[in-house]
Amino acid sequence: MAPTLQFEAGAVAENYRRYLEPVLFAPWAERLVAHAGVMRGDVVVDLASGTGAAARAAAHAAGSGGRVIATDISARMLGFVQRAVRPGSAPIDVLVGSAVALDLPDQSADVVLCQQGLQFMEDYQAVVRECYRVLRPRGVIAVAVWAAGERLDPFDAFADALSTDDRAFSNSTVTMSVLAVVDALCLGGFSDITTGTHRLVVRWPTLDAEIAALFGTPFGPLVERMDEPERAELLSTLRGILGQGGERTFDHLTTSVFGRGIRPAAAA
C-alpha cells in the first residue's frame, strides 16, 4: 500500500515553501543571483519574491554590508522570507505591494531580480518600467521565466492529471519566449540586454513529496475542494504519471529563459 500523502490543507504558501522551494526554486535562485552579478554591499530588490528563495540567495551574495528588499503581493508568502537566512547575509526587508507601484525611492537599488514572476504580471511592461525607475544608473535587472515550448514537470503532470473531457489545464500561459523577454526589457528602457535558455535537472527525494508539491501551486485549492474519492483518484493518477507505476522519483529537466539588462548611465 502506498504511504499516506502528507500536506497542509488550505496552506498554499506553506506547501510551496516545504515541497517546491528546496528542490526547484532555491537551486534556480542561486543561478539567477550569479547571472545578475550581485556583489558585496549591493542593494537588491527581489520582485515577486514568494517565500524568498532568490531574496535569501541575494542576501548571501550581498553580504552584511548590503540590503535586500523582498516584495510580493502575498503577505502570507513573504512570511517565510526571513527563515533560514545564512550567517553573514544582508538584512532582508519585506514589502507587500504591487509590482507596478513599488513603495521605493527612485534610483535606490543596484539590482532588481524577478524569478518566475514576470510571466504572471498582467502588464509586465509596466513592471519592467517600474524596475527601471528604482534602479540606479548602470543598475542591473535580471529575470528568469519558464521557457515556452519546453516540458515543465511536475507542473505539466499536474495539469495533465487534472484535465478531463469537461476541463482543460495548460501551463503555457506561465511561460515566455526569449523574444518576449527581450521585448519586455527593451521596451522598459534597458540596454546591453542578454538573454538565453538555461537548464537544470531536479529530482524530488520521494514520490509523496513530489505529489505534495501540487498543493503549493494554484491547483492546490481546487484539489482540496474535491470530494475524497475524486481526490484519491487524481492522486493515484499522478502517482502513475510521476512514478511510472512505482514509488521511485525521476529526474526532470527544467528550462528557463534568463534575461539581463542594464539601466543606461544617461537618462533615457
Protein backbone atom coordinates (compact mmCIF):
# COMPACT_ATOMS: atom_id res chain seq x y z
CA MET A 1 0.00 0.00 0.00
CA ALA A 2 1.26 3.49 -0.85
CA PRO A 3 2.14 5.71 2.14
CA THR A 4 -0.35 8.37 3.19
CA LEU A 5 0.32 11.64 1.42
CA GLN A 6 1.14 14.47 3.83
CA PHE A 7 0.35 18.11 3.03
CA GLU A 8 -1.05 21.08 4.92
CA ALA A 9 -4.63 21.70 3.89
CA GLY A 10 -5.56 25.24 2.91
CA ALA A 11 -1.94 26.39 3.02
CA VAL A 12 -0.52 27.07 -0.45
CA ALA A 13 2.37 29.17 0.93
CA GLU A 14 3.37 26.53 3.48
CA ASN A 15 3.28 23.71 0.94
CA TYR A 16 5.16 25.84 -1.62
CA ARG A 17 7.88 26.52 0.95
CA ARG A 18 8.12 22.87 2.01
CA TYR A 19 7.80 20.98 -1.27
CA LEU A 20 8.67 23.35 -4.14
CA GLU A 21 11.27 25.81 -2.92
CA PRO A 22 14.05 23.44 -1.75
CA VAL A 23 14.04 21.23 -4.83
CA LEU A 24 13.15 23.66 -7.60
CA PHE A 25 13.23 27.35 -6.74
CA ALA A 26 16.27 27.51 -4.44
CA PRO A 27 18.70 26.00 -7.00
CA TRP A 28 17.35 28.25 -9.73
CA ALA A 29 17.65 31.26 -7.41
CA GLU A 30 21.37 30.64 -6.92
CA ARG A 31 21.82 30.63 -10.69
CA LEU A 32 19.83 33.82 -11.18
CA VAL A 33 21.76 35.70 -8.49
CA ALA A 34 25.05 34.63 -10.07
CA HIS A 35 23.75 35.63 -13.51
CA ALA A 36 22.80 39.07 -12.18
CA GLY A 37 26.27 39.53 -10.71
CA VAL A 38 25.13 40.58 -7.23
CA MET A 39 28.15 42.00 -5.41
CA ARG A 40 29.05 42.65 -1.78
CA GLY A 41 27.27 45.74 -0.49
CA ASP A 42 24.61 45.80 -3.19
CA VAL A 43 21.04 46.90 -2.56
CA VAL A 44 18.82 44.28 -4.20
CA VAL A 45 15.09 44.28 -4.85
CA ASP A 46 13.57 40.81 -5.27
CA LEU A 47 10.33 41.21 -7.18
CA ALA A 48 7.55 38.62 -6.79
CA SER A 49 9.69 37.14 -4.04
CA GLY A 50 7.26 34.45 -2.95
CA THR A 51 8.76 32.61 0.02
CA GLY A 52 12.13 34.21 -0.61
CA ALA A 53 14.47 31.77 -2.36
CA ALA A 54 16.02 34.48 -4.53
CA ALA A 55 15.98 37.05 -1.71
CA ARG A 56 17.99 34.78 0.59
CA ALA A 57 20.44 33.89 -2.19
CA ALA A 58 20.90 37.59 -2.96
CA ALA A 59 21.35 38.42 0.73
CA HIS A 60 24.14 35.85 0.97
CA ALA A 61 25.84 37.29 -2.12
CA ALA A 62 25.46 40.92 -0.98
CA GLY A 63 26.85 40.20 2.49
CA SER A 64 26.30 42.05 5.73
CA GLY A 65 27.02 45.41 4.09
CA GLY A 66 24.22 45.01 1.58
CA ARG A 67 20.45 45.14 1.77
CA VAL A 68 17.65 43.12 0.20
CA ILE A 69 14.03 44.14 -0.20
CA ALA A 70 11.72 41.19 -0.86
CA THR A 71 8.41 42.34 -2.34
CA ASP A 72 5.27 40.42 -3.26
CA ILE A 73 1.50 40.91 -3.27
CA SER A 74 1.13 37.98 -0.83
CA ALA A 75 1.89 38.74 2.81
CA ARG A 76 1.46 35.03 3.56
CA MET A 77 4.27 34.11 1.16
CA LEU A 78 6.53 36.86 2.49
CA GLY A 79 6.10 35.47 6.00
CA PHE A 80 8.66 32.79 5.10
CA VAL A 81 11.30 35.05 3.56
CA GLN A 82 13.43 35.62 6.65
CA ARG A 83 13.62 31.96 7.65
CA ALA A 84 16.95 30.14 7.29
CA VAL A 85 18.95 33.21 6.25
CA ARG A 86 22.63 32.23 6.15
CA PRO A 87 25.10 33.86 8.58
CA GLY A 88 26.80 36.95 7.21
CA SER A 89 23.94 37.74 4.85
CA ALA A 90 22.47 41.15 4.19
CA PRO A 91 19.35 42.09 6.16
CA ILE A 92 16.13 41.35 4.30
CA ASP A 93 13.17 43.73 4.49
CA VAL A 94 9.75 42.66 3.24
CA LEU A 95 7.40 44.88 1.27
CA VAL A 96 3.83 43.89 0.47
CA GLY A 97 2.53 45.59 -2.64
CA SER A 98 2.05 45.75 -6.38
CA ALA A 99 4.96 45.26 -8.75
CA VAL A 100 3.82 48.24 -10.82
CA ALA A 101 3.89 50.65 -7.87
CA LEU A 102 6.81 49.80 -5.60
CA ASP A 103 6.99 51.85 -2.42
CA LEU A 104 10.68 52.56 -3.04
CA PRO A 105 12.56 55.74 -3.97
CA ASP A 106 13.80 56.45 -7.48
CA GLN A 107 17.30 55.15 -8.24
CA SER A 108 17.64 53.36 -4.89
CA ALA A 109 18.72 49.85 -5.94
CA ASP A 110 21.73 48.28 -7.60
CA VAL A 111 19.98 45.09 -8.77
CA VAL A 112 16.40 44.00 -9.36
CA LEU A 113 15.66 40.28 -9.53
CA CYS A 114 12.48 38.56 -10.65
CA GLN A 115 12.40 34.78 -10.54
CA GLN A 116 9.39 33.12 -12.17
CA GLY A 117 7.18 36.14 -11.63
CA LEU A 118 7.24 38.33 -14.71
CA GLN A 119 5.11 35.93 -16.78
CA PHE A 120 2.30 36.22 -14.22
CA MET A 121 2.12 40.01 -14.43
CA GLU A 122 -0.90 41.37 -16.28
CA ASP A 123 1.17 44.29 -17.64
CA TYR A 124 4.74 43.10 -17.46
CA GLN A 125 6.00 46.05 -19.49
CA ALA A 126 4.73 48.37 -16.74
CA VAL A 127 6.54 46.16 -14.22
CA VAL A 128 9.81 46.46 -16.14
CA ARG A 129 9.43 50.24 -16.34
CA GLU A 130 8.95 50.31 -12.56
CA CYS A 131 12.14 48.27 -12.16
CA TYR A 132 13.91 50.86 -14.35
CA ARG A 133 12.66 53.62 -12.04
CA VAL A 134 14.06 52.11 -8.84
CA LEU A 135 17.43 51.15 -10.34
CA ARG A 136 20.43 53.44 -10.21
CA PRO A 137 22.21 54.26 -13.48
CA ARG A 138 24.16 51.15 -14.54
CA GLY A 139 21.91 49.10 -12.26
CA VAL A 140 21.06 45.57 -13.36
CA ILE A 141 17.75 43.81 -13.92
CA ALA A 142 17.82 40.00 -14.10
CA VAL A 143 14.72 37.89 -14.72
CA ALA A 144 14.03 34.19 -15.07
CA VAL A 145 10.86 32.76 -16.63
CA TRP A 146 9.89 29.24 -17.61
CA ALA A 147 10.77 28.71 -21.26
CA ALA A 148 7.95 28.49 -23.79
CA GLY A 149 7.73 25.23 -25.72
CA GLU A 150 9.54 23.14 -23.10
CA ARG A 151 8.11 20.40 -20.91
CA LEU A 152 7.73 21.61 -17.32
CA ASP A 153 7.29 18.81 -14.83
CA PRO A 154 5.88 18.22 -12.33
CA PHE A 155 3.61 21.15 -13.26
CA ASP A 156 2.68 19.71 -16.65
CA ALA A 157 1.94 16.38 -14.98
CA PHE A 158 -0.37 18.18 -12.55
CA ALA A 159 -2.18 19.84 -15.48
CA ASP A 160 -2.43 16.57 -17.39
CA ALA A 161 -3.89 14.72 -14.40
CA LEU A 162 -6.44 17.46 -13.73
CA SER A 163 -7.60 17.79 -17.34
CA THR A 164 -10.79 15.94 -18.25
CA ASP A 165 -13.34 15.97 -21.05
CA ASP A 166 -15.04 18.87 -19.26
CA ARG A 167 -12.00 20.94 -18.32
CA ALA A 168 -8.52 21.52 -19.66
CA PHE A 169 -5.44 22.93 -17.97
CA SER A 170 -2.23 24.17 -19.55
CA ASN A 171 0.92 25.80 -18.20
CA SER A 172 1.64 27.58 -21.49
CA THR A 173 0.37 30.85 -20.02
CA VAL A 174 3.13 30.82 -17.35
CA THR A 175 5.96 30.63 -19.89
CA MET A 176 7.70 33.20 -22.09
CA SER A 177 9.91 33.02 -25.16
CA VAL A 178 13.38 34.53 -25.45
CA LEU A 179 11.94 37.13 -27.83
CA ALA A 180 9.22 38.13 -25.35
CA VAL A 181 11.82 38.67 -22.62
CA VAL A 182 13.98 40.76 -24.98
CA ASP A 183 10.94 42.86 -25.94
CA ALA A 184 9.99 43.46 -22.30
CA LEU A 185 13.47 44.65 -21.35
CA CYS A 186 13.89 46.77 -24.48
CA LEU A 187 10.54 48.49 -24.07
CA GLY A 188 11.38 49.06 -20.41
CA GLY A 189 14.36 51.20 -21.45
CA PHE A 190 17.20 48.79 -20.67
CA SER A 191 20.38 48.41 -22.71
CA ASP A 192 23.15 45.80 -23.01
CA ILE A 193 20.44 43.13 -22.98
CA THR A 194 21.47 39.48 -22.95
CA THR A 195 19.11 36.51 -22.97
CA GLY A 196 19.38 32.76 -23.27
CA THR A 197 17.97 29.45 -22.11
CA HIS A 198 19.34 27.67 -19.06
CA ARG A 199 18.62 24.11 -17.97
CA LEU A 200 18.61 22.43 -14.58
CA VAL A 201 17.84 18.82 -13.66
CA VAL A 202 15.77 18.46 -10.49
CA ARG A 203 14.53 15.46 -8.55
CA TRP A 204 12.30 15.21 -5.50
CA PRO A 205 13.54 12.99 -2.64
CA THR A 206 10.32 10.96 -2.50
CA LEU A 207 7.30 10.48 -4.72
CA ASP A 208 4.99 11.68 -1.94
CA ALA A 209 6.97 14.93 -1.66
CA GLU A 210 6.73 15.48 -5.42
CA ILE A 211 2.99 14.88 -5.47
CA ALA A 212 2.51 17.07 -2.39
CA ALA A 213 4.09 19.92 -4.35
CA LEU A 214 0.72 20.08 -6.15
CA PHE A 215 -0.71 21.68 -3.00
CA GLY A 216 1.83 24.51 -3.21
CA THR A 217 0.55 25.57 -6.64
CA PRO A 218 -2.64 27.39 -7.71
CA PHE A 219 -4.05 23.91 -8.40
CA GLY A 220 -3.94 23.10 -4.67
CA PRO A 221 -7.18 24.75 -3.56
CA LEU A 222 -9.02 23.16 -6.50
CA VAL A 223 -7.86 19.69 -5.47
CA GLU A 224 -8.69 20.30 -1.80
CA ARG A 225 -12.28 21.15 -2.78
CA MET A 226 -12.72 17.76 -4.46
CA ASP A 227 -14.58 15.05 -2.59
CA GLU A 228 -12.40 12.30 -1.16
CA PRO A 229 -12.95 9.66 -3.91
CA GLU A 230 -12.24 12.19 -6.69
CA ARG A 231 -9.10 13.47 -4.94
CA ALA A 232 -7.87 9.93 -4.26
CA GLU A 233 -8.32 9.02 -7.93
CA LEU A 234 -6.43 12.14 -9.02
CA LEU A 235 -3.52 11.45 -6.68
CA SER A 236 -3.39 7.85 -7.85
CA THR A 237 -3.23 9.07 -11.46
CA LEU A 238 -0.40 11.44 -10.54
CA ARG A 239 1.44 8.62 -8.81
CA GLY A 240 1.27 6.65 -12.04
CA ILE A 241 2.45 9.56 -14.20
CA LEU A 242 5.31 10.73 -11.99
CA GLY A 243 6.32 7.39 -10.50
CA GLN A 244 5.78 5.44 -13.71
CA GLY A 245 3.95 2.75 -11.78
CA GLY A 246 6.44 2.54 -8.92
CA GLU A 247 7.43 4.53 -5.86
CA ARG A 248 10.75 5.98 -7.06
CA THR A 249 11.18 9.52 -8.34
CA PHE A 250 12.74 10.52 -11.65
CA ASP A 251 14.84 13.39 -12.95
CA HIS A 252 13.07 16.36 -14.55
CA LEU A 253 14.83 18.68 -16.97
CA THR A 254 13.58 22.22 -16.28
CA THR A 255 14.29 25.07 -18.68
CA SER A 256 14.24 28.81 -18.01
CA VAL A 257 14.82 31.89 -20.10
CA PHE A 258 17.21 34.27 -18.35
CA GLY A 259 17.19 37.94 -19.29
CA ARG A 260 19.60 40.61 -18.08
CA GLY A 261 19.68 44.33 -18.84
CA ILE A 262 21.37 47.48 -17.59
CA ARG A 263 19.84 50.88 -16.94
CA PRO A 264 21.84 53.31 -19.07
CA ALA A 265 24.10 55.78 -17.33
CA ALA A 266 22.42 58.66 -19.15
CA ALA A 267 18.70 59.29 -18.74
CA ALA A 268 16.66 57.63 -21.43
